[in-house]
Amino acid sequence: MGEPGQDVVAAAVQGPSELSELVEARTHKTSTTGQTGLRPRWLTYPEAAELCTLSVRSLKRLTAAGTLRCYVVGGKVLRLKASDVEALIVPADQCRNW
């Protein structure tokens, strides 16, 4: 047979072109770019901290300072947009005159 779970994908996909279409669709669904028609990916503070290797406390400081936008969902739950968190990561030569 092969890898576990491979038979499930093989049963659903008829050929290489369908497989590439499936991969393309999954890639676009999880994309965090600002393309039209795609919903943004929302992160909790711990998820965002893992993504950008900052602490939750540091992210909350950036939010309080207005550097990072925070969104309220349902009147109480706070979420961060993944693209906003990724925008915090810049090359060293563009930061602090390295």
C-alpha atoms as a PDB file:
ATOM      1  CA  MET A   1       0.000   0.000   0.000  1.00  0.00           C
ATOM      2  CA  GLY A   2       2.214   2.914   1.025  1.00  0.00           C
ATOM      3  CA  GLU A   3       1.965   5.699   3.532  1.00  0.00           C
ATOM      4  CA  PRO A   4      -0.973   5.663   5.997  1.00  0.00           C
ATOM      5  CA  GLY A   5      -3.773   7.839   4.677  1.00  0.00           C
ATOM      6  CA  GLN A   6      -2.356   7.803   1.155  1.00  0.00           C
ATOM      7  CA  ASP A   7      -5.063   5.426  -0.053  1.00  0.00           C
ATOM      8  CA  VAL A   8      -7.760   7.910   1.025  1.00  0.00           C
ATOM      9  CA  VAL A   9      -6.201  10.673  -1.078  1.00  0.00           C
ATOM     10  CA  ALA A  10      -5.666   8.285  -4.000  1.00  0.00           C
ATOM     11  CA  ALA A  11      -9.323   7.251  -3.892  1.00  0.00           C
ATOM     12  CA  ALA A  12     -10.474  10.865  -4.019  1.00  0.00           C
ATOM     13  CA  VAL A  13      -8.059  12.029  -6.724  1.00  0.00           C
ATOM     14  CA  GLN A  14      -8.246  10.534 -10.216  1.00  0.00           C
ATOM     15  CA  GLY A  15      -4.986  11.822 -11.709  1.00  0.00           C
ATOM     16  CA  PRO A  16      -1.995  14.137 -11.358  1.00  0.00           C
ATOM     17  CA  SER A  17      -3.932  17.172 -12.587  1.00  0.00           C
ATOM     18  CA  GLU A  18      -6.628  16.667  -9.939  1.00  0.00           C
ATOM     19  CA  LEU A  19      -3.951  16.230  -7.287  1.00  0.00           C
ATOM     20  CA  SER A  20      -2.298  19.521  -8.255  1.00  0.00           C
ATOM     21  CA  GLU A  21      -5.704  21.229  -8.184  1.00  0.00           C
ATOM     22  CA  LEU A  22      -6.328  19.818  -4.697  1.00  0.00           C
ATOM     23  CA  VAL A  23      -2.940  21.045  -3.466  1.00  0.00           C
ATOM     24  CA  GLU A  24      -3.558  24.442  -5.070  1.00  0.00           C
ATOM     25  CA  ALA A  25      -6.977  24.737  -3.383  1.00  0.00           C
ATOM     26  CA  ARG A  26      -5.582  23.826   0.032  1.00  0.00           C
ATOM     27  CA  THR A  27      -2.708  26.264  -0.372  1.00  0.00           C
ATOM     28  CA  HIS A  28      -5.051  29.126  -1.218  1.00  0.00           C
ATOM     29  CA  LYS A  29      -7.396  28.333   1.662  1.00  0.00           C
ATOM     30  CA  THR A  30      -4.640  28.661   4.260  1.00  0.00           C
ATOM     31  CA  SER A  31      -2.954  31.614   2.608  1.00  0.00           C
ATOM     32  CA  THR A  32      -2.668  34.720   4.747  1.00  0.00           C
ATOM     33  CA  THR A  33      -2.067  37.132   1.896  1.00  0.00           C
ATOM     34  CA  GLY A  34      -4.529  39.923   1.258  1.00  0.00           C
ATOM     35  CA  GLN A  35      -5.945  38.391  -1.924  1.00  0.00           C
ATOM     36  CA  THR A  36      -9.567  39.168  -2.601  1.00  0.00           C
ATOM     37  CA  GLY A  37     -12.098  36.437  -1.995  1.00  0.00           C
ATOM     38  CA  LEU A  38     -10.092  34.787   0.761  1.00  0.00           C
ATOM     39  CA  ARG A  39     -11.033  34.983   4.396  1.00  0.00           C
ATOM     40  CA  PRO A  40      -8.288  36.058   6.795  1.00  0.00           C
ATOM     41  CA  ARG A  41      -6.755  33.508   9.112  1.00  0.00           C
ATOM     42  CA  TRP A  42      -7.459  34.388  12.744  1.00  0.00           C
ATOM     43  CA  LEU A  43      -5.074  33.500  15.563  1.00  0.00           C
ATOM     44  CA  THR A  44      -5.287  33.467  19.322  1.00  0.00           C
ATOM     45  CA  TYR A  45      -2.470  35.162  21.232  1.00  0.00           C
ATOM     46  CA  PRO A  46      -0.693  31.842  21.989  1.00  0.00           C
ATOM     47  CA  GLU A  47      -0.942  30.777  18.330  1.00  0.00           C
ATOM     48  CA  ALA A  48       0.417  34.138  17.190  1.00  0.00           C
ATOM     49  CA  ALA A  49       3.226  33.934  19.744  1.00  0.00           C
ATOM     50  CA  GLU A  50       4.247  30.553  18.345  1.00  0.00           C
ATOM     51  CA  LEU A  51       4.127  31.882  14.783  1.00  0.00           C
ATOM     52  CA  CYS A  52       6.406  34.856  15.368  1.00  0.00           C
ATOM     53  CA  THR A  53       8.428  33.498  18.343  1.00  0.00           C
ATOM     54  CA  LEU A  54       7.424  36.335  20.649  1.00  0.00           C
ATOM     55  CA  SER A  55       5.796  35.927  24.028  1.00  0.00           C
ATOM     56  CA  VAL A  56       2.075  36.466  24.536  1.00  0.00           C
ATOM     57  CA  ARG A  57       2.948  39.357  26.825  1.00  0.00           C
ATOM     58  CA  SER A  58       5.060  41.010  24.091  1.00  0.00           C
ATOM     59  CA  LEU A  59       2.210  40.662  21.606  1.00  0.00           C
ATOM     60  CA  LYS A  60      -0.186  42.256  24.089  1.00  0.00           C
ATOM     61  CA  ARG A  61       2.281  45.129  24.565  1.00  0.00           C
ATOM     62  CA  LEU A  62       2.424  45.642  20.796  1.00  0.00           C
ATOM     63  CA  THR A  63      -1.381  45.621  20.702  1.00  0.00           C
ATOM     64  CA  ALA A  64      -1.605  48.171  23.524  1.00  0.00           C
ATOM     65  CA  ALA A  65       0.952  50.390  21.750  1.00  0.00           C
ATOM     66  CA  GLY A  66      -1.082  50.258  18.531  1.00  0.00           C
ATOM     67  CA  THR A  67       1.646  48.486  16.557  1.00  0.00           C
ATOM     68  CA  LEU A  68      -0.410  45.291  16.186  1.00  0.00           C
ATOM     69  CA  ARG A  69      -4.151  45.378  15.532  1.00  0.00           C
ATOM     70  CA  CYS A  70      -6.399  43.201  17.662  1.00  0.00           C
ATOM     71  CA  TYR A  71      -9.944  42.245  16.722  1.00  0.00           C
ATOM     72  CA  VAL A  72     -12.876  41.440  19.010  1.00  0.00           C
ATOM     73  CA  VAL A  73     -15.008  38.473  17.992  1.00  0.00           C
ATOM     74  CA  GLY A  74     -18.401  38.003  19.587  1.00  0.00           C
ATOM     75  CA  GLY A  75     -17.954  40.910  21.970  1.00  0.00           C
ATOM     76  CA  LYS A  76     -15.330  39.213  24.136  1.00  0.00           C
ATOM     77  CA  VAL A  77     -12.863  36.968  22.307  1.00  0.00           C
ATOM     78  CA  LEU A  78      -9.673  38.625  21.027  1.00  0.00           C
ATOM     79  CA  ARG A  79      -8.053  37.499  17.775  1.00  0.00           C
ATOM     80  CA  LEU A  80      -5.101  38.610  15.691  1.00  0.00           C
ATOM     81  CA  LYS A  81      -4.959  38.463  11.915  1.00  0.00           C
ATOM     82  CA  ALA A  82      -2.154  36.125  10.792  1.00  0.00           C
ATOM     83  CA  SER A  83      -1.036  38.551   8.082  1.00  0.00           C
ATOM     84  CA  ASP A  84      -0.638  41.306  10.706  1.00  0.00           C
ATOM     85  CA  VAL A  85       1.489  39.012  12.870  1.00  0.00           C
ATOM     86  CA  GLU A  86       3.607  37.946   9.885  1.00  0.00           C
ATOM     87  CA  ALA A  87       4.137  41.619   9.021  1.00  0.00           C
ATOM     88  CA  LEU A  88       6.040  41.981  12.304  1.00  0.00           C
ATOM     89  CA  ILE A  89       8.787  39.758  10.891  1.00  0.00           C
ATOM     90  CA  VAL A  90      11.142  41.865   8.779  1.00  0.00           C
ATOM     91  CA  PRO A  91      14.724  41.330   7.578  1.00  0.00           C
ATOM     92  CA  ALA A  92      17.364  42.595  10.019  1.00  0.00           C
ATOM     93  CA  ASP A  93      18.775  45.094   7.528  1.00  0.00           C
ATOM     94  CA  GLN A  94      15.397  46.864   7.429  1.00  0.00           C
ATOM     95  CA  CYS A  95      15.228  47.161  11.192  1.00  0.00           C
ATOM     96  CA  ARG A  96      17.262  49.379  13.533  1.00  0.00           C
ATOM     97  CA  ASN A  97      19.927  50.262  10.938  1.00  0.00           C
ATOM     98  CA  TRP A  98      21.688  46.864  11.127  1.00  0.00           C
END
